């Protein structure tokens, strides 16, 4: 399991975040410290408090974490 802090500031970042996560073969959990949701669900993300950084957990085998982090950085999603 790998934890990555992200910050989603607008709807475009939320859409890009879900697109990136949906392309992954691993489980993506996102937590705001209060609840945890599926990181591939745009509706789930909208139920979180987006004012503070979120904690993303990538769960699975053979996850290319550096590729995911690079994709997040490309769209300024890393907190």
C-alpha atoms as a PDB file:
ATOM      1  CA  UNK A   1       0.000   0.000   0.000  1.00  0.00           C
ATOM      2  CA  UNK A   2       1.244   3.476  -0.896  1.00  0.00           C
ATOM      3  CA  UNK A   3      -0.078   6.779   0.490  1.00  0.00           C
ATOM      4  CA  UNK A   4       0.007   9.983  -1.577  1.00  0.00           C
ATOM      5  CA  UNK A   5      -1.270  13.404  -0.389  1.00  0.00           C
ATOM      6  CA  UNK A   6      -3.362  15.264  -2.997  1.00  0.00           C
ATOM      7  CA  UNK A   7      -5.231  18.554  -3.123  1.00  0.00           C
ATOM      8  CA  UNK A   8      -8.180  19.042  -5.475  1.00  0.00           C
ATOM      9  CA  UNK A   9      -8.984  22.712  -6.023  1.00  0.00           C
ATOM     10  CA  UNK A  10     -11.533  22.717  -8.843  1.00  0.00           C
ATOM     11  CA  UNK A  11     -13.801  20.522 -10.961  1.00  0.00           C
ATOM     12  CA  UNK A  12     -11.186  20.088 -13.696  1.00  0.00           C
ATOM     13  CA  UNK A  13      -8.714  18.656 -11.184  1.00  0.00           C
ATOM     14  CA  UNK A  14     -11.408  16.350  -9.780  1.00  0.00           C
ATOM     15  CA  UNK A  15     -12.251  15.080 -13.282  1.00  0.00           C
ATOM     16  CA  UNK A  16      -8.568  14.523 -14.144  1.00  0.00           C
ATOM     17  CA  UNK A  17      -7.977  12.782 -10.806  1.00  0.00           C
ATOM     18  CA  UNK A  18     -10.851  10.343 -11.466  1.00  0.00           C
ATOM     19  CA  UNK A  19      -9.633   9.720 -15.040  1.00  0.00           C
ATOM     20  CA  UNK A  20      -6.135   8.883 -13.816  1.00  0.00           C
ATOM     21  CA  UNK A  21      -7.464   6.602 -11.065  1.00  0.00           C
ATOM     22  CA  UNK A  22      -9.930   4.866 -13.399  1.00  0.00           C
ATOM     23  CA  UNK A  23      -7.059   3.849 -15.662  1.00  0.00           C
ATOM     24  CA  UNK A  24      -5.320   2.034 -12.792  1.00  0.00           C
ATOM     25  CA  UNK A  25      -5.759  -1.674 -12.161  1.00  0.00           C
ATOM     26  CA  UNK A  26      -5.332  -1.280  -8.419  1.00  0.00           C
ATOM     27  CA  UNK A  27      -7.754  -0.212  -5.708  1.00  0.00           C
ATOM     28  CA  UNK A  28      -7.676   3.542  -5.006  1.00  0.00           C
ATOM     29  CA  UNK A  29      -8.976   4.703  -1.618  1.00  0.00           C
ATOM     30  CA  UNK A  30      -9.277   8.413  -0.788  1.00  0.00           C
ATOM     31  CA  UNK A  31      -9.756   9.755   2.724  1.00  0.00           C
ATOM     32  CA  UNK A  32     -10.311  13.224   4.131  1.00  0.00           C
ATOM     33  CA  UNK A  33      -9.541  11.981   7.651  1.00  0.00           C
ATOM     34  CA  UNK A  34     -13.226  11.467   8.372  1.00  0.00           C
ATOM     35  CA  UNK A  35     -14.426   9.020   5.719  1.00  0.00           C
ATOM     36  CA  UNK A  36     -12.828   6.894   3.005  1.00  0.00           C
ATOM     37  CA  UNK A  37     -14.245   6.484  -0.513  1.00  0.00           C
ATOM     38  CA  UNK A  38     -13.429   4.811  -3.836  1.00  0.00           C
ATOM     39  CA  UNK A  39     -11.014   7.136  -5.676  1.00  0.00           C
ATOM     40  CA  UNK A  40     -12.531   6.126  -9.007  1.00  0.00           C
ATOM     41  CA  UNK A  41     -15.924   7.622  -8.071  1.00  0.00           C
ATOM     42  CA  UNK A  42     -16.557  11.278  -8.852  1.00  0.00           C
ATOM     43  CA  UNK A  43     -19.709  11.216  -6.703  1.00  0.00           C
ATOM     44  CA  UNK A  44     -17.736   9.773  -3.807  1.00  0.00           C
ATOM     45  CA  UNK A  45     -15.101  12.513  -4.130  1.00  0.00           C
ATOM     46  CA  UNK A  46     -17.766  15.205  -3.995  1.00  0.00           C
ATOM     47  CA  UNK A  47     -18.873  13.843  -0.609  1.00  0.00           C
ATOM     48  CA  UNK A  48     -15.436  14.593   0.897  1.00  0.00           C
ATOM     49  CA  UNK A  49     -14.193  17.835   2.387  1.00  0.00           C
ATOM     50  CA  UNK A  50     -12.005  19.209  -0.414  1.00  0.00           C
ATOM     51  CA  UNK A  51     -10.650  22.181   1.566  1.00  0.00           C
ATOM     52  CA  UNK A  52      -7.738  20.189   3.018  1.00  0.00           C
ATOM     53  CA  UNK A  53      -5.332  17.701   1.432  1.00  0.00           C
ATOM     54  CA  UNK A  54      -6.730  14.223   0.875  1.00  0.00           C
ATOM     55  CA  UNK A  55      -4.887  10.975   1.502  1.00  0.00           C
ATOM     56  CA  UNK A  56      -4.797   8.581  -1.464  1.00  0.00           C
ATOM     57  CA  UNK A  57      -3.980   4.921  -0.841  1.00  0.00           C
ATOM     58  CA  UNK A  58      -3.031   2.698  -3.781  1.00  0.00           C
ATOM     59  CA  UNK A  59      -3.675  -0.935  -2.914  1.00  0.00           C
ATOM     60  CA  UNK A  60      -2.626  -3.850  -5.085  1.00  0.00           C
ATOM     61  CA  UNK A  61       0.279  -5.730  -6.581  1.00  0.00           C
ATOM     62  CA  UNK A  62       2.832  -4.334  -9.017  1.00  0.00           C
ATOM     63  CA  UNK A  63       1.667  -0.741  -8.722  1.00  0.00           C
ATOM     64  CA  UNK A  64       3.860   1.680 -10.636  1.00  0.00           C
ATOM     65  CA  UNK A  65       3.697   4.413  -7.995  1.00  0.00           C
ATOM     66  CA  UNK A  66       6.139   6.718  -9.775  1.00  0.00           C
ATOM     67  CA  UNK A  67       3.899   6.691 -12.873  1.00  0.00           C
ATOM     68  CA  UNK A  68       0.849   7.616 -10.776  1.00  0.00           C
ATOM     69  CA  UNK A  69       2.730  10.356  -8.920  1.00  0.00           C
ATOM     70  CA  UNK A  70       3.998  11.744 -12.255  1.00  0.00           C
ATOM     71  CA  UNK A  71       0.441  11.856 -13.605  1.00  0.00           C
ATOM     72  CA  UNK A  72      -0.756  13.608 -10.436  1.00  0.00           C
ATOM     73  CA  UNK A  73       2.106  16.119 -10.659  1.00  0.00           C
ATOM     74  CA  UNK A  74       1.359  16.836 -14.324  1.00  0.00           C
ATOM     75  CA  UNK A  75      -2.040  18.202 -13.289  1.00  0.00           C
ATOM     76  CA  UNK A  76      -0.833  19.832 -10.009  1.00  0.00           C
ATOM     77  CA  UNK A  77      -2.702  17.364  -7.790  1.00  0.00           C
ATOM     78  CA  UNK A  78       0.091  16.655  -5.296  1.00  0.00           C
ATOM     79  CA  UNK A  79      -0.422  18.501  -2.004  1.00  0.00           C
END
